[in-house]
Protein backbone atom coordinates (compact mmCIF):
# COMPACT_ATOMS: atom_id res chain seq x y z
CA MET A 1 -30.63 -2.42 -17.73
CA LEU A 2 -28.87 -3.96 -14.95
CA ALA A 3 -26.86 -6.89 -15.88
CA LYS A 4 -28.15 -10.39 -15.59
CA GLY A 5 -27.19 -12.18 -12.26
CA THR A 6 -27.72 -8.68 -10.56
CA SER A 7 -27.94 -8.72 -6.69
CA ASN A 8 -30.65 -6.17 -7.04
CA LYS A 9 -33.42 -7.15 -4.59
CA THR A 10 -36.36 -6.12 -6.65
CA LEU A 11 -35.26 -7.74 -9.79
CA GLN A 12 -34.38 -10.91 -8.04
CA ILE A 13 -38.04 -10.94 -6.61
CA LEU A 14 -39.44 -10.31 -10.09
CA GLN A 15 -37.41 -12.66 -11.90
CA ALA A 16 -38.41 -15.51 -9.58
CA ALA A 17 -42.03 -14.62 -10.00
CA GLU A 18 -41.61 -14.35 -13.86
CA GLN A 19 -39.94 -17.93 -13.78
CA ASP A 20 -42.82 -19.55 -11.81
CA GLY A 21 -45.76 -17.86 -13.18
CA TYR A 22 -47.04 -15.62 -10.15
CA GLY A 23 -47.46 -11.81 -9.35
CA VAL A 24 -45.92 -9.87 -6.40
CA LEU A 25 -47.60 -7.14 -4.46
CA ALA A 26 -46.03 -3.80 -4.71
CA ALA A 27 -47.71 -2.18 -1.92
CA ILE A 28 -48.10 1.46 -1.04
CA ALA A 29 -47.07 2.36 2.79
CA TYR A 30 -47.94 5.77 4.13
CA ASN A 31 -46.82 5.21 7.66
CA VAL A 32 -45.09 2.71 10.04
CA GLU A 33 -48.32 0.96 10.82
CA HIS A 34 -48.74 0.20 7.14
CA VAL A 35 -44.95 -1.08 6.92
CA THR A 36 -45.43 -3.35 10.00
CA ALA A 37 -48.74 -4.79 8.71
CA LEU A 38 -47.18 -5.61 5.10
CA VAL A 39 -43.92 -6.92 6.38
CA ARG A 40 -45.94 -9.09 8.95
CA ALA A 41 -48.32 -10.42 6.10
CA ALA A 42 -45.41 -11.26 3.98
CA GLU A 43 -43.62 -13.30 6.87
CA SER A 44 -46.68 -15.08 7.71
CA SER A 45 -47.79 -15.89 4.14
CA ARG A 46 -44.12 -16.73 3.33
CA SER A 47 -44.47 -14.55 0.37
CA PRO A 48 -42.09 -11.96 -1.22
CA LEU A 49 -43.10 -8.42 -1.26
CA ILE A 50 -42.24 -5.05 -2.89
CA LEU A 51 -42.89 -2.31 -0.19
CA GLN A 52 -43.52 1.26 -1.93
CA LEU A 53 -43.16 4.70 -0.68
CA PHE A 54 -44.50 7.73 -2.42
CA PRO A 55 -42.06 10.60 -3.05
CA SER A 56 -44.41 12.78 -0.77
CA THR A 57 -44.06 10.54 2.07
CA LEU A 58 -40.37 11.11 2.16
CA LYS A 59 -41.11 14.75 2.83
CA GLN A 60 -43.99 14.18 5.20
CA LEU A 61 -42.14 11.59 7.12
CA PRO A 62 -38.27 11.64 6.36
CA SER A 63 -37.41 8.88 8.86
CA LEU A 64 -39.91 6.30 7.29
CA VAL A 65 -37.75 5.23 4.36
CA TYR A 66 -35.08 4.17 7.18
CA ALA A 67 -37.57 2.22 9.10
CA ALA A 68 -38.94 0.64 6.10
CA SER A 69 -35.36 -0.49 4.78
CA ALA A 70 -34.69 -1.87 8.27
CA ALA A 71 -37.95 -3.77 7.99
CA CYS A 72 -37.03 -5.22 4.65
CA LYS A 73 -33.52 -6.24 5.73
CA SER A 74 -34.43 -8.00 8.98
CA ALA A 75 -37.55 -9.83 7.40
CA SER A 76 -37.39 -13.50 7.05
CA VAL A 77 -38.69 -13.47 3.38
CA PRO A 78 -37.40 -11.29 0.36
CA ILE A 79 -38.73 -7.74 0.59
CA SER A 80 -37.44 -4.91 -1.45
CA LEU A 81 -37.88 -1.12 -0.95
CA HIS A 82 -39.29 0.94 -4.07
CA LEU A 83 -39.92 4.52 -4.70
CA ASP A 84 -42.95 4.86 -6.60
CA HIS A 85 -43.86 7.57 -9.10
CA ALA A 86 -40.62 9.81 -8.71
CA GLN A 87 -41.28 12.83 -10.78
CA ASP A 88 -39.00 15.41 -9.50
CA GLU A 89 -35.59 15.09 -11.12
CA ASP A 90 -34.03 16.79 -8.16
CA GLN A 91 -35.50 14.52 -5.72
CA ILE A 92 -34.44 11.42 -7.55
CA ARG A 93 -31.00 12.43 -7.76
CA HIS A 94 -30.96 13.20 -3.94
CA VAL A 95 -32.63 9.79 -3.40
CA VAL A 96 -30.04 7.89 -5.49
CA ASP A 97 -27.20 9.57 -3.31
CA THR A 98 -28.74 9.23 0.05
CA MET A 99 -31.37 6.77 0.50
CA PRO A 100 -31.63 2.93 0.57
CA PHE A 101 -34.08 2.09 -2.19
CA ASP A 102 -33.64 -1.12 -4.35
CA SER A 103 -35.61 0.24 -7.23
CA ILE A 104 -37.18 3.51 -8.48
CA MET A 105 -40.04 4.45 -10.71
CA VAL A 106 -38.56 7.19 -12.80
CA ASP A 107 -41.71 8.62 -13.91
CA MET A 108 -41.41 11.43 -16.71
CA SER A 109 -44.75 10.54 -18.20
CA HIS A 110 -45.89 14.25 -17.61
CA HIS A 111 -43.57 15.40 -20.33
CA GLU A 112 -44.16 15.06 -24.00
CA HIS A 113 -42.64 11.76 -25.47
CA HIS A 114 -39.30 12.62 -26.57
CA GLU A 115 -38.44 14.54 -23.36
CA ASN A 116 -39.75 11.55 -21.41
CA LEU A 117 -37.43 9.34 -23.14
CA GLN A 118 -34.51 11.47 -22.71
CA LYS A 119 -34.77 12.27 -19.06
CA THR A 120 -35.85 8.66 -18.33
CA LYS A 121 -32.64 7.32 -20.08
CA GLU A 122 -30.30 9.89 -18.22
CA LEU A 123 -31.91 9.11 -14.74
CA THR A 124 -31.82 5.39 -15.52
CA ARG A 125 -27.98 5.66 -15.79
CA LEU A 126 -27.66 7.53 -12.57
CA CYS A 127 -29.55 4.71 -10.78
CA HIS A 128 -27.73 1.81 -12.36
CA GLN A 129 -24.44 3.39 -11.24
CA LYS A 130 -25.76 2.70 -7.54
CA GLY A 131 -27.23 -0.68 -8.59
CA ILE A 132 -30.80 0.65 -8.28
CA ALA A 133 -33.28 -0.90 -10.70
CA VAL A 134 -35.51 1.52 -12.70
CA GLU A 135 -39.26 1.24 -13.64
CA ALA A 136 -40.85 3.59 -16.27
CA GLU A 137 -44.26 4.21 -17.75
CA SER A 138 -44.59 3.74 -21.37
CA GLY A 139 -47.54 5.46 -23.02
CA ARG A 140 -49.60 7.64 -20.39
CA ILE A 141 -51.69 6.20 -17.61
CA ASN A 142 -54.55 8.66 -16.90
CA GLY A 143 -55.88 9.76 -13.50
CA GLY A 144 -54.05 10.56 -10.30
CA GLU A 145 -53.97 9.43 -6.67
CA GLU A 146 -52.74 10.62 -3.28
CA GLY A 147 -48.94 11.43 -3.64
CA ILE A 148 -48.43 11.72 -7.32
CA ALA A 149 -49.33 14.46 -9.99
CA ASP A 150 -52.57 14.17 -11.67
CA THR A 151 -52.18 13.61 -15.62
CA GLY A 152 -55.98 14.18 -16.09
CA ASP A 153 -55.35 17.07 -18.38
CA LEU A 154 -53.15 15.06 -20.58
CA GLU A 155 -54.37 12.47 -23.03
CA ALA A 156 -54.19 8.92 -21.99
CA LEU A 157 -51.95 7.02 -24.35
CA PHE A 158 -51.97 3.38 -24.99
CA THR A 159 -48.49 1.68 -24.97
CA SER A 160 -47.58 0.78 -28.60
CA PRO A 161 -44.95 -1.45 -29.83
CA GLU A 162 -42.52 1.30 -30.88
CA GLU A 163 -42.78 2.74 -27.48
CA VAL A 164 -41.93 -0.66 -25.83
CA GLU A 165 -38.70 -0.67 -27.95
CA GLU A 166 -37.87 2.91 -27.13
CA PHE A 167 -38.21 2.44 -23.35
CA LEU A 168 -36.13 -0.74 -23.58
CA GLY A 169 -33.57 1.54 -25.43
CA ALA A 170 -33.72 3.76 -22.36
CA GLU A 171 -32.24 0.71 -20.45
CA VAL A 172 -35.01 0.54 -17.90
CA ASP A 173 -35.53 -2.92 -16.26
CA LEU A 174 -39.25 -2.62 -15.50
CA LEU A 175 -42.18 -1.49 -17.87
CA ALA A 176 -45.61 -0.20 -16.63
CA PRO A 177 -47.70 -0.20 -19.92
CA SER A 178 -50.89 1.86 -20.49
CA ILE A 179 -53.53 -0.74 -21.32
CA GLY A 180 -56.62 1.05 -20.29
CA ASN A 181 -55.72 1.09 -16.56
CA VAL A 182 -56.12 4.33 -14.79
CA HIS A 183 -54.81 5.89 -11.58
CA GLY A 184 -57.37 6.34 -8.95
CA ASP A 185 -60.92 5.12 -8.99
CA TYR A 186 -62.41 3.60 -12.27
CA PRO A 187 -65.87 4.91 -13.63
CA PRO A 188 -69.00 2.69 -12.92
CA ALA A 189 -68.46 0.33 -15.59
CA GLY A 190 -65.28 -0.71 -13.88
CA PRO A 191 -61.65 -1.54 -15.49
CA GLN A 192 -61.89 -2.10 -19.15
CA LEU A 193 -58.32 -3.57 -19.89
CA ASP A 194 -56.97 -4.40 -23.25
CA PHE A 195 -55.51 -8.01 -22.55
CA ASP A 196 -54.49 -8.46 -26.19
CA ARG A 197 -52.39 -5.32 -25.95
CA LEU A 198 -50.91 -6.66 -22.77
CA LYS A 199 -50.17 -10.07 -24.25
CA ARG A 200 -48.35 -8.51 -27.28
CA ILE A 201 -46.31 -6.50 -24.94
CA ARG A 202 -45.30 -9.54 -22.93
CA GLN A 203 -44.47 -11.42 -26.17
CA GLN A 204 -42.54 -8.47 -27.51
CA ILE A 205 -40.47 -7.95 -24.28
CA ASN A 206 -39.60 -11.53 -24.46
CA GLY A 207 -38.21 -11.55 -20.87
CA ARG A 208 -36.00 -8.69 -21.42
CA VAL A 209 -37.55 -6.62 -18.53
CA ARG A 210 -40.60 -7.15 -16.17
CA ILE A 211 -44.02 -5.99 -16.36
CA ALA A 212 -45.57 -3.72 -13.89
CA LEU A 213 -49.32 -3.05 -13.64
CA HIS A 214 -50.52 0.22 -12.08
CA GLY A 215 -54.15 1.40 -11.58
CA THR A 216 -55.60 -1.51 -9.76
CA ASN A 217 -58.32 0.20 -7.63
CA ASP A 218 -61.65 -1.84 -7.98
CA PHE A 219 -59.95 -5.05 -9.16
CA SER A 220 -61.72 -8.10 -8.79
CA GLU A 221 -59.72 -11.34 -7.78
CA GLU A 222 -60.47 -12.77 -11.26
CA LEU A 223 -59.32 -9.64 -12.95
CA THR A 224 -56.09 -9.77 -10.92
CA LYS A 225 -55.32 -13.42 -11.70
CA GLU A 226 -56.01 -12.59 -15.54
CA CYS A 227 -53.40 -9.71 -15.37
CA ILE A 228 -50.90 -11.83 -13.79
CA ALA A 229 -51.62 -14.92 -16.19
CA ALA A 230 -51.10 -12.39 -19.20
CA GLY A 231 -47.66 -11.27 -17.89
CA THR A 232 -47.72 -9.00 -14.83
CA THR A 233 -45.36 -9.74 -12.23
CA LYS A 234 -45.26 -6.48 -10.19
CA PHE A 235 -48.67 -5.74 -9.03
CA ASN A 236 -49.03 -2.34 -7.68
CA VAL A 237 -51.72 -1.75 -4.75
CA ASN A 238 -52.80 1.21 -3.08
CA LYS A 239 -56.46 1.76 -2.26
CA LEU A 240 -57.13 -1.97 -3.05
CA LEU A 241 -55.41 -2.92 0.17
CA LEU A 242 -55.60 0.20 2.32
CA GLU A 243 -59.34 0.79 2.08
CA CYS A 244 -59.92 -1.83 4.97
CA TRP A 245 -57.46 0.28 7.14
CA ASN A 246 -59.10 3.61 6.14
CA GLU A 247 -62.55 2.07 6.82
CA PHE A 248 -61.67 0.87 10.23
CA LEU A 249 -60.18 4.06 11.33
CA LYS A 250 -63.34 5.90 10.07
CA HIS A 251 -65.82 3.81 12.12
CA ASN A 252 -63.59 3.21 15.22
CA SER A 253 -62.53 6.59 16.38
CA HIS A 254 -64.04 5.65 19.82
CA LEU A 255 -61.31 3.33 20.47
CA SER A 256 -57.86 4.18 22.08
CA ILE A 257 -54.91 5.04 19.99
CA VAL A 258 -53.10 1.83 21.13
CA GLN A 259 -56.38 -0.34 20.12
CA LEU A 260 -56.73 1.48 16.56
CA ILE A 261 -52.99 0.57 15.89
CA ASP A 262 -53.17 -2.90 17.15
CA GLN A 263 -56.60 -3.78 15.56
CA GLY A 264 -55.85 -1.62 12.44
CA ILE A 265 -52.49 -3.57 11.63
CA ASP A 266 -54.23 -6.95 12.12
CA ILE A 267 -56.94 -5.99 9.68
CA LEU A 268 -54.50 -4.75 7.05
CA GLN A 269 -52.13 -7.68 7.60
CA LYS A 270 -55.12 -10.24 6.91
CA GLU A 271 -56.33 -8.34 3.87
CA THR A 272 -52.63 -8.23 2.44
CA GLU A 273 -52.39 -12.10 3.17
CA ARG A 274 -55.61 -12.60 1.25
CA TRP A 275 -54.35 -10.63 -1.74
CA MET A 276 -50.94 -12.47 -1.71
CA GLU A 277 -52.93 -15.85 -2.04
CA VAL A 278 -54.74 -14.24 -5.23
CA CYS A 279 -51.38 -13.24 -6.78
CA GLY A 280 -50.08 -16.91 -6.31
CA SER A 281 -46.98 -15.59 -4.08
CA ALA A 282 -48.08 -17.01 -0.74
CA GLY A 283 -46.05 -20.10 0.14
CA ARG A 284 -43.10 -19.20 -2.33
CA CYS A 285 -40.46 -18.64 0.17
CA VAL A 286 -40.10 -21.89 1.77
CA THR A 287 -36.77 -21.35 3.53
């Protein structure tokens, strides 16, 4: 784990959230329009934000990471830049050496448990040498979404107390537990989360690391608030936010490109502001 009192922006954002009992959106952006809307929402809401990119986006749009980093640094509220679900060891090493991320999810969950831990610890130490915070997935969260490998052929594994300690021993800074959450869409019954397990994990961690929650598609406002009350500080969102953008583009192809960009950004900004209110992060950045 990075030392207490670190200047790492992701950890500073989440430590403040833990202290005051709110959640922070960790929002995926696929393009510069998404980045613009998310940052505008954070500034308008006076809310912290974690801006996330997928590894696939670094290949599709190599310059986006630098635009996103500049947006984070120039914002009037705390915004950090996070690489989500980094699963390629060579890419992680390249990112650590050359790119301006505050934190990286070192996702070795597609490996068997022992290898997962071994690789996670090795890559965590590499990240820490550059002051980069590390998130890891304990257990295995099933499913897949755009930009990450699908674990659908592997058995979902709920996080156990032993795994919590093992990942803390791997020196990670953020833990993403498996509590019945899935990547991608949920079945018709909707999310069925094990809140008792989440609360026990929070009690066991006892402030040593922060909790990140993945798999939030189809979450209601009430379920989101319950997850935050149970200990989640980093609240990952993808489709939950971006569906409004996708639907707007789908039904408005008759508009000019300039109109699509302007109106799409406004729609996504408003939806992001709404979820910042739900998470309790709005109004937390008063200066």
